[in-house]
């Protein structure tokens, strides 16, 4: 499967794409999304993601992520 990602400017109501020869005769999916700003920042990146209100504050981290998983005495390193 090939994927092409390009940011293009629409002139009038047409968009003309030059595609690789390997896609000739193949069925493809075309998705057109509007971008905002001159730098091409996608709309979906304009807002910060947050957890659903029902889950907010319910998760507590119990483990020490920096501590080793097993004591050094359990290791059989030679």
PDB file of N, CA and C in Angstrom:
ATOM      1  N   UNK A   1       0.846  -1.177   0.000  1.00  0.00           N
ATOM      2  CA  UNK A   1       0.000   0.000   0.000  1.00  0.00           C
ATOM      3  C   UNK A   1       0.889   1.237   0.000  1.00  0.00           C
ATOM      4  N   UNK A   2       0.570   2.175  -0.848  1.00  0.00           N
ATOM      5  CA  UNK A   2       1.287   3.433  -0.902  1.00  0.00           C
ATOM      6  C   UNK A   2       0.430   4.516  -0.268  1.00  0.00           C
ATOM      7  N   UNK A   3       1.071   5.466   0.379  1.00  0.00           N
ATOM      8  CA  UNK A   3       0.364   6.618   0.936  1.00  0.00           C
ATOM      9  C   UNK A   3       1.085   7.876   0.480  1.00  0.00           C
ATOM     10  N   UNK A   4       0.344   8.816  -0.007  1.00  0.00           N
ATOM     11  CA  UNK A   4       0.892  10.104  -0.411  1.00  0.00           C
ATOM     12  C   UNK A   4       0.285  11.171   0.477  1.00  0.00           C
ATOM     13  N   UNK A   5       1.124  12.050   0.997  1.00  0.00           N
ATOM     14  CA  UNK A   5       0.627  13.158   1.808  1.00  0.00           C
ATOM     15  C   UNK A   5       1.198  14.434   1.209  1.00  0.00           C
ATOM     16  N   UNK A   6       0.320  15.303   0.753  1.00  0.00           N
ATOM     17  CA  UNK A   6       0.756  16.550   0.140  1.00  0.00           C
ATOM     18  C   UNK A   6      -0.165  17.667   0.588  1.00  0.00           C
ATOM     19  N   UNK A   7       0.376  18.848   0.727  1.00  0.00           N
ATOM     20  CA  UNK A   7      -0.430  20.032   1.010  1.00  0.00           C
ATOM     21  C   UNK A   7      -0.437  20.863  -0.265  1.00  0.00           C
ATOM     22  N   UNK A   8      -1.616  21.104  -0.801  1.00  0.00           N
ATOM     23  CA  UNK A   8      -1.779  21.818  -2.067  1.00  0.00           C
ATOM     24  C   UNK A   8      -2.719  22.992  -1.871  1.00  0.00           C
ATOM     25  N   UNK A   9      -2.603  23.977  -2.728  1.00  0.00           N
ATOM     26  CA  UNK A   9      -3.517  25.114  -2.715  1.00  0.00           C
ATOM     27  C   UNK A   9      -4.557  24.912  -3.807  1.00  0.00           C
ATOM     28  N   UNK A  10      -5.818  25.116  -3.451  1.00  0.00           N
ATOM     29  CA  UNK A  10      -6.923  24.950  -4.396  1.00  0.00           C
ATOM     30  C   UNK A  10      -7.048  26.229  -5.227  1.00  0.00           C
ATOM     31  N   UNK A  11      -7.083  26.072  -6.533  1.00  0.00           N
ATOM     32  CA  UNK A  11      -7.308  27.188  -7.447  1.00  0.00           C
ATOM     33  C   UNK A  11      -8.694  26.985  -8.058  1.00  0.00           C
ATOM     34  N   UNK A  12      -9.588  27.937  -7.847  1.00  0.00           N
ATOM     35  CA  UNK A  12     -10.960  27.763  -8.311  1.00  0.00           C
ATOM     36  C   UNK A  12     -11.616  26.640  -7.522  1.00  0.00           C
ATOM     37  N   UNK A  13     -12.194  25.680  -8.232  1.00  0.00           N
ATOM     38  CA  UNK A  13     -12.823  24.547  -7.568  1.00  0.00           C
ATOM     39  C   UNK A  13     -12.205  23.236  -8.020  1.00  0.00           C
ATOM     40  N   UNK A  14     -10.965  23.259  -8.498  1.00  0.00           N
ATOM     41  CA  UNK A  14     -10.324  22.040  -8.978  1.00  0.00           C
ATOM     42  C   UNK A  14      -9.002  21.801  -8.271  1.00  0.00           C
ATOM     43  N   UNK A  15      -8.664  20.543  -8.149  1.00  0.00           N
ATOM     44  CA  UNK A  15      -7.371  20.113  -7.640  1.00  0.00           C
ATOM     45  C   UNK A  15      -6.851  19.049  -8.589  1.00  0.00           C
ATOM     46  N   UNK A  16      -5.711  19.296  -9.199  1.00  0.00           N
ATOM     47  CA  UNK A  16      -5.130  18.343 -10.134  1.00  0.00           C
ATOM     48  C   UNK A  16      -3.878  17.757  -9.496  1.00  0.00           C
ATOM     49  N   UNK A  17      -3.830  16.436  -9.393  1.00  0.00           N
ATOM     50  CA  UNK A  17      -2.696  15.743  -8.782  1.00  0.00           C
ATOM     51  C   UNK A  17      -1.989  14.888  -9.832  1.00  0.00           C
ATOM     52  N   UNK A  18      -0.679  14.953  -9.867  1.00  0.00           N
ATOM     53  CA  UNK A  18       0.116  14.039 -10.679  1.00  0.00           C
ATOM     54  C   UNK A  18       0.516  12.882  -9.769  1.00  0.00           C
ATOM     55  N   UNK A  19       0.051  11.688 -10.104  1.00  0.00           N
ATOM     56  CA  UNK A  19       0.274  10.511  -9.263  1.00  0.00           C
ATOM     57  C   UNK A  19       1.325   9.603  -9.875  1.00  0.00           C
ATOM     58  N   UNK A  20       1.965   8.753  -9.059  1.00  0.00           N
ATOM     59  CA  UNK A  20       2.954   7.822  -9.576  1.00  0.00           C
ATOM     60  C   UNK A  20       2.319   6.811 -10.540  1.00  0.00           C
ATOM     61  N   UNK A  21       3.107   6.338 -11.476  1.00  0.00           N
ATOM     62  CA  UNK A  21       2.624   5.373 -12.468  1.00  0.00           C
ATOM     63  C   UNK A  21       2.142   4.087 -11.811  1.00  0.00           C
ATOM     64  N   UNK A  22       2.680   3.751 -10.659  1.00  0.00           N
ATOM     65  CA  UNK A  22       2.293   2.504  -9.985  1.00  0.00           C
ATOM     66  C   UNK A  22       0.834   2.512  -9.535  1.00  0.00           C
ATOM     67  N   UNK A  23       0.206   3.676  -9.468  1.00  0.00           N
ATOM     68  CA  UNK A  23      -1.199   3.764  -9.062  1.00  0.00           C
ATOM     69  C   UNK A  23      -2.154   3.751 -10.245  1.00  0.00           C
ATOM     70  N   UNK A  24      -1.625   3.734 -11.457  1.00  0.00           N
ATOM     71  CA  UNK A  24      -2.484   3.772 -12.637  1.00  0.00           C
ATOM     72  C   UNK A  24      -3.418   2.571 -12.666  1.00  0.00           C
ATOM     73  N   UNK A  25      -4.701   2.842 -12.851  1.00  0.00           N
ATOM     74  CA  UNK A  25      -5.706   1.787 -12.916  1.00  0.00           C
ATOM     75  C   UNK A  25      -6.159   1.267 -11.564  1.00  0.00           C
ATOM     76  N   UNK A  26      -5.589   1.752 -10.472  1.00  0.00           N
ATOM     77  CA  UNK A  26      -5.951   1.293  -9.126  1.00  0.00           C
ATOM     78  C   UNK A  26      -7.068   2.164  -8.551  1.00  0.00           C
ATOM     79  N   UNK A  27      -7.802   1.607  -7.618  1.00  0.00           N
ATOM     80  CA  UNK A  27      -8.814   2.362  -6.892  1.00  0.00           C
ATOM     81  C   UNK A  27      -8.127   3.003  -5.686  1.00  0.00           C
ATOM     82  N   UNK A  28      -8.346   4.311  -5.479  1.00  0.00           N
ATOM     83  CA  UNK A  28      -7.711   5.032  -4.374  1.00  0.00           C
ATOM     84  C   UNK A  28      -8.765   5.805  -3.587  1.00  0.00           C
ATOM     85  N   UNK A  29      -8.432   6.146  -2.378  1.00  0.00           N
ATOM     86  CA  UNK A  29      -9.286   6.978  -1.534  1.00  0.00           C
ATOM     87  C   UNK A  29      -8.683   8.367  -1.506  1.00  0.00           C
ATOM     88  N   UNK A  30      -9.505   9.384  -1.720  1.00  0.00           N
ATOM     89  CA  UNK A  30      -9.048  10.774  -1.687  1.00  0.00           C
ATOM     90  C   UNK A  30      -9.794  11.479  -0.565  1.00  0.00           C
ATOM     91  N   UNK A  31      -9.047  12.084   0.353  1.00  0.00           N
ATOM     92  CA  UNK A  31      -9.624  12.830   1.467  1.00  0.00           C
ATOM     93  C   UNK A  31      -9.126  14.263   1.357  1.00  0.00           C
ATOM     94  N   UNK A  32     -10.029  15.225   1.392  1.00  0.00           N
ATOM     95  CA  UNK A  32      -9.657  16.635   1.321  1.00  0.00           C
ATOM     96  C   UNK A  32     -10.068  17.285   2.632  1.00  0.00           C
ATOM     97  N   UNK A  33      -9.084  17.854   3.350  1.00  0.00           N
ATOM     98  CA  UNK A  33      -9.350  18.554   4.605  1.00  0.00           C
ATOM     99  C   UNK A  33      -8.862  19.983   4.470  1.00  0.00           C
ATOM    100  N   UNK A  34      -9.619  20.913   4.983  1.00  0.00           N
ATOM    101  CA  UNK A  34      -9.212  22.312   4.953  1.00  0.00           C
ATOM    102  C   UNK A  34      -8.171  22.565   6.047  1.00  0.00           C
ATOM    103  N   UNK A  35      -7.135  23.292   5.711  1.00  0.00           N
ATOM    104  CA  UNK A  35      -6.108  23.682   6.673  1.00  0.00           C
ATOM    105  C   UNK A  35      -6.275  25.153   6.995  1.00  0.00           C
ATOM    106  N   UNK A  36      -5.770  25.579   8.166  1.00  0.00           N
ATOM    107  CA  UNK A  36      -5.853  26.985   8.533  1.00  0.00           C
ATOM    108  C   UNK A  36      -4.459  27.574   8.565  1.00  0.00           C
ATOM    109  N   UNK A  37      -4.372  28.859   8.508  1.00  0.00           N
ATOM    110  CA  UNK A  37      -3.101  29.553   8.643  1.00  0.00           C
ATOM    111  C   UNK A  37      -2.222  29.413   7.415  1.00  0.00           C
ATOM    112  N   UNK A  38      -1.285  30.337   7.289  1.00  0.00           N
ATOM    113  CA  UNK A  38      -0.375  30.336   6.146  1.00  0.00           C
ATOM    114  C   UNK A  38       0.661  29.218   6.228  1.00  0.00           C
ATOM    115  N   UNK A  39       0.950  28.719   7.430  1.00  0.00           N
ATOM    116  CA  UNK A  39       1.951  27.666   7.587  1.00  0.00           C
ATOM    117  C   UNK A  39       1.364  26.270   7.399  1.00  0.00           C
ATOM    118  N   UNK A  40       0.062  26.161   7.134  1.00  0.00           N
ATOM    119  CA  UNK A  40      -0.549  24.863   6.868  1.00  0.00           C
ATOM    120  C   UNK A  40      -0.852  24.051   8.108  1.00  0.00           C
ATOM    121  N   UNK A  41      -1.063  24.693   9.253  1.00  0.00           N
ATOM    122  CA  UNK A  41      -1.395  23.981  10.484  1.00  0.00           C
ATOM    123  C   UNK A  41      -2.783  23.372  10.365  1.00  0.00           C
ATOM    124  N   UNK A  42      -2.891  22.079  10.622  1.00  0.00           N
ATOM    125  CA  UNK A  42      -4.173  21.388  10.486  1.00  0.00           C
ATOM    126  C   UNK A  42      -5.146  21.828  11.574  1.00  0.00           C
ATOM    127  N   UNK A  43      -6.427  21.855  11.229  1.00  0.00           N
ATOM    128  CA  UNK A  43      -7.456  22.236  12.195  1.00  0.00           C
ATOM    129  C   UNK A  43      -7.442  21.353  13.425  1.00  0.00           C
ATOM    130  N   UNK A  44      -7.234  20.051  13.239  1.00  0.00           N
ATOM    131  CA  UNK A  44      -7.291  19.132  14.366  1.00  0.00           C
ATOM    132  C   UNK A  44      -6.153  19.354  15.366  1.00  0.00           C
ATOM    133  N   UNK A  45      -5.109  20.081  14.996  1.00  0.00           N
ATOM    134  CA  UNK A  45      -4.001  20.337  15.904  1.00  0.00           C
ATOM    135  C   UNK A  45      -4.174  21.663  16.644  1.00  0.00           C
ATOM    136  N   UNK A  46      -5.258  22.382  16.361  1.00  0.00           N
ATOM    137  CA  UNK A  46      -5.466  23.679  16.982  1.00  0.00           C
ATOM    138  C   UNK A  46      -5.945  23.578  18.422  1.00  0.00           C
ATOM    139  N   UNK A  47      -6.492  22.455  18.792  1.00  0.00           N
ATOM    140  CA  UNK A  47      -6.975  22.333  20.166  1.00  0.00           C
ATOM    141  C   UNK A  47      -6.220  21.209  20.884  1.00  0.00           C
ATOM    142  N   UNK A  48      -6.059  21.388  22.166  1.00  0.00           N
ATOM    143  CA  UNK A  48      -5.345  20.396  22.962  1.00  0.00           C
ATOM    144  C   UNK A  48      -6.296  19.264  23.339  1.00  0.00           C
ATOM    145  N   UNK A  49      -5.805  18.038  23.241  1.00  0.00           N
ATOM    146  CA  UNK A  49      -6.635  16.893  23.603  1.00  0.00           C
ATOM    147  C   UNK A  49      -6.747  16.793  25.117  1.00  0.00           C
ATOM    148  N   UNK A  50      -7.902  16.355  25.591  1.00  0.00           N
ATOM    149  CA  UNK A  50      -8.100  16.159  27.025  1.00  0.00           C
ATOM    150  C   UNK A  50      -8.942  14.899  27.219  1.00  0.00           C
ATOM    151  N   UNK A  51      -8.809  14.254  28.382  1.00  0.00           N
ATOM    152  CA  UNK A  51      -9.577  13.028  28.614  1.00  0.00           C
ATOM    153  C   UNK A  51     -11.064  13.343  28.776  1.00  0.00           C
ATOM    154  N   UNK A  52     -11.901  12.335  28.572  1.00  0.00           N
ATOM    155  CA  UNK A  52     -13.334  12.544  28.797  1.00  0.00           C
ATOM    156  C   UNK A  52     -13.576  12.942  30.247  1.00  0.00           C
ATOM    157  N   UNK A  53     -14.553  13.802  30.499  1.00  0.00           N
ATOM    158  CA  UNK A  53     -14.806  14.261  31.873  1.00  0.00           C
ATOM    159  C   UNK A  53     -15.046  13.115  32.856  1.00  0.00           C
ATOM    160  N   UNK A  54     -15.621  12.009  32.407  1.00  0.00           N
ATOM    161  CA  UNK A  54     -15.899  10.889  33.310  1.00  0.00           C
ATOM    162  C   UNK A  54     -14.606  10.232  33.802  1.00  0.00           C
ATOM    163  N   UNK A  55     -13.499  10.374  33.068  1.00  0.00           N
ATOM    164  CA  UNK A  55     -12.240   9.750  33.463  1.00  0.00           C
ATOM    165  C   UNK A  55     -11.263  10.722  34.130  1.00  0.00           C
ATOM    166  N   UNK A  56     -11.523  11.995  34.062  1.00  0.00           N
ATOM    167  CA  UNK A  56     -10.607  12.994  34.600  1.00  0.00           C
ATOM    168  C   UNK A  56     -10.398  12.793  36.100  1.00  0.00           C
ATOM    169  N   UNK A  57      -9.129  12.646  36.500  1.00  0.00           N
ATOM    170  CA  UNK A  57      -8.778  12.498  37.915  1.00  0.00           C
ATOM    171  C   UNK A  57      -8.989  11.117  38.489  1.00  0.00           C
ATOM    172  N   UNK A  58      -9.407  10.149  37.703  1.00  0.00           N
ATOM    173  CA  UNK A  58      -9.691   8.798  38.217  1.00  0.00           C
ATOM    174  C   UNK A  58      -8.469   7.886  38.178  1.00  0.00           C
ATOM    175  N   UNK A  59      -7.473   8.185  37.381  1.00  0.00           N
ATOM    176  CA  UNK A  59      -6.322   7.303  37.228  1.00  0.00           C
ATOM    177  C   UNK A  59      -5.186   7.754  38.144  1.00  0.00           C
ATOM    178  N   UNK A  60      -4.624   6.807  38.870  1.00  0.00           N
ATOM    179  CA  UNK A  60      -3.519   7.088  39.781  1.00  0.00           C
ATOM    180  C   UNK A  60      -2.377   6.152  39.437  1.00  0.00           C
ATOM    181  N   UNK A  61      -1.182   6.685  39.284  1.00  0.00           N
ATOM    182  CA  UNK A  61      -0.004   5.894  38.970  1.00  0.00           C
ATOM    183  C   UNK A  61       0.544   5.296  40.266  1.00  0.00           C
ATOM    184  N   UNK A  62       0.609   3.963  40.342  1.00  0.00           N
ATOM    185  CA  UNK A  62       1.031   3.281  41.550  1.00  0.00           C
ATOM    186  C   UNK A  62       2.501   2.865  41.525  1.00  0.00           C
ATOM    187  N   UNK A  63       3.085   2.716  40.336  1.00  0.00           N
ATOM    188  CA  UNK A  63       4.440   2.189  40.216  1.00  0.00           C
ATOM    189  C   UNK A  63       5.477   3.302  40.162  1.00  0.00           C
ATOM    190  N   UNK A  64       6.701   2.947  40.583  1.00  0.00           N
ATOM    191  CA  UNK A  64       7.842   3.835  40.419  1.00  0.00           C
ATOM    192  C   UNK A  64       8.472   3.486  39.075  1.00  0.00           C
ATOM    193  N   UNK A  65       8.343   4.362  38.098  1.00  0.00           N
ATOM    194  CA  UNK A  65       8.816   4.071  36.752  1.00  0.00           C
ATOM    195  C   UNK A  65      10.335   4.088  36.628  1.00  0.00           C
ATOM    196  N   UNK A  66      11.038   4.613  37.625  1.00  0.00           N
ATOM    197  CA  UNK A  66      12.491   4.692  37.563  1.00  0.00           C
ATOM    198  C   UNK A  66      13.151   3.516  38.283  1.00  0.00           C
ATOM    199  N   UNK A  67      12.468   2.905  39.216  1.00  0.00           N
ATOM    200  CA  UNK A  67      13.030   1.785  39.960  1.00  0.00           C
ATOM    201  C   UNK A  67      13.191   0.568  39.050  1.00  0.00           C
ATOM    202  N   UNK A  68      14.212  -0.273  39.278  1.00  0.00           N
ATOM    203  CA  UNK A  68      14.382  -1.473  38.466  1.00  0.00           C
ATOM    204  C   UNK A  68      13.207  -2.443  38.660  1.00  0.00           C
ATOM    205  N   UNK A  69      12.904  -3.224  37.630  1.00  0.00           N
ATOM    206  CA  UNK A  69      11.791  -4.170  37.697  1.00  0.00           C
ATOM    207  C   UNK A  69      12.101  -5.346  38.611  1.00  0.00           C
ATOM    208  N   UNK A  70      13.372  -5.719  38.720  1.00  0.00           N
ATOM    209  CA  UNK A  70      13.786  -6.838  39.573  1.00  0.00           C
ATOM    210  C   UNK A  70      15.056  -6.425  40.319  1.00  0.00           C
ATOM    211  N   UNK A  71      15.270  -6.953  41.526  1.00  0.00           N
ATOM    212  CA  UNK A  71      16.496  -6.609  42.260  1.00  0.00           C
ATOM    213  C   UNK A  71      17.733  -7.154  41.545  1.00  0.00           C
ATOM    214  N   UNK A  72      18.875  -6.513  41.747  1.00  0.00           N
ATOM    215  CA  UNK A  72      20.120  -6.925  41.080  1.00  0.00           C
ATOM    216  C   UNK A  72      20.526  -8.342  41.445  1.00  0.00           C
ATOM    217  N   UNK A  73      20.107  -8.833  42.620  1.00  0.00           N
ATOM    218  CA  UNK A  73      20.471 -10.200  43.024  1.00  0.00           C
ATOM    219  C   UNK A  73      19.780 -11.247  42.159  1.00  0.00           C
ATOM    220  N   UNK A  74      18.706 -10.915  41.512  1.00  0.00           N
ATOM    221  CA  UNK A  74      18.000 -11.845  40.626  1.00  0.00           C
ATOM    222  C   UNK A  74      18.643 -11.944  39.253  1.00  0.00           C
ATOM    223  N   UNK A  75      19.577 -11.084  38.941  1.00  0.00           N
ATOM    224  CA  UNK A  75      20.219 -11.076  37.632  1.00  0.00           C
ATOM    225  C   UNK A  75      21.318 -12.130  37.587  1.00  0.00           C
ATOM    226  N   UNK A  76      21.437 -12.803  36.481  1.00  0.00           N
ATOM    227  CA  UNK A  76      22.532 -13.766  36.295  1.00  0.00           C
ATOM    228  C   UNK A  76      23.413 -13.285  35.151  1.00  0.00           C
ATOM    229  N   UNK A  77      23.969 -12.100  35.323  1.00  0.00           N
ATOM    230  CA  UNK A  77      24.826 -11.527  34.279  1.00  0.00           C
ATOM    231  C   UNK A  77      26.248 -12.075  34.447  1.00  0.00           C
ATOM    232  N   UNK A  78      26.855 -12.474  33.343  1.00  0.00           N
ATOM    233  CA  UNK A  78      28.206 -13.010  33.395  1.00  0.00           C
ATOM    234  C   UNK A  78      29.159 -12.060  32.720  1.00  0.00           C
TER     235      UNK A  78
END
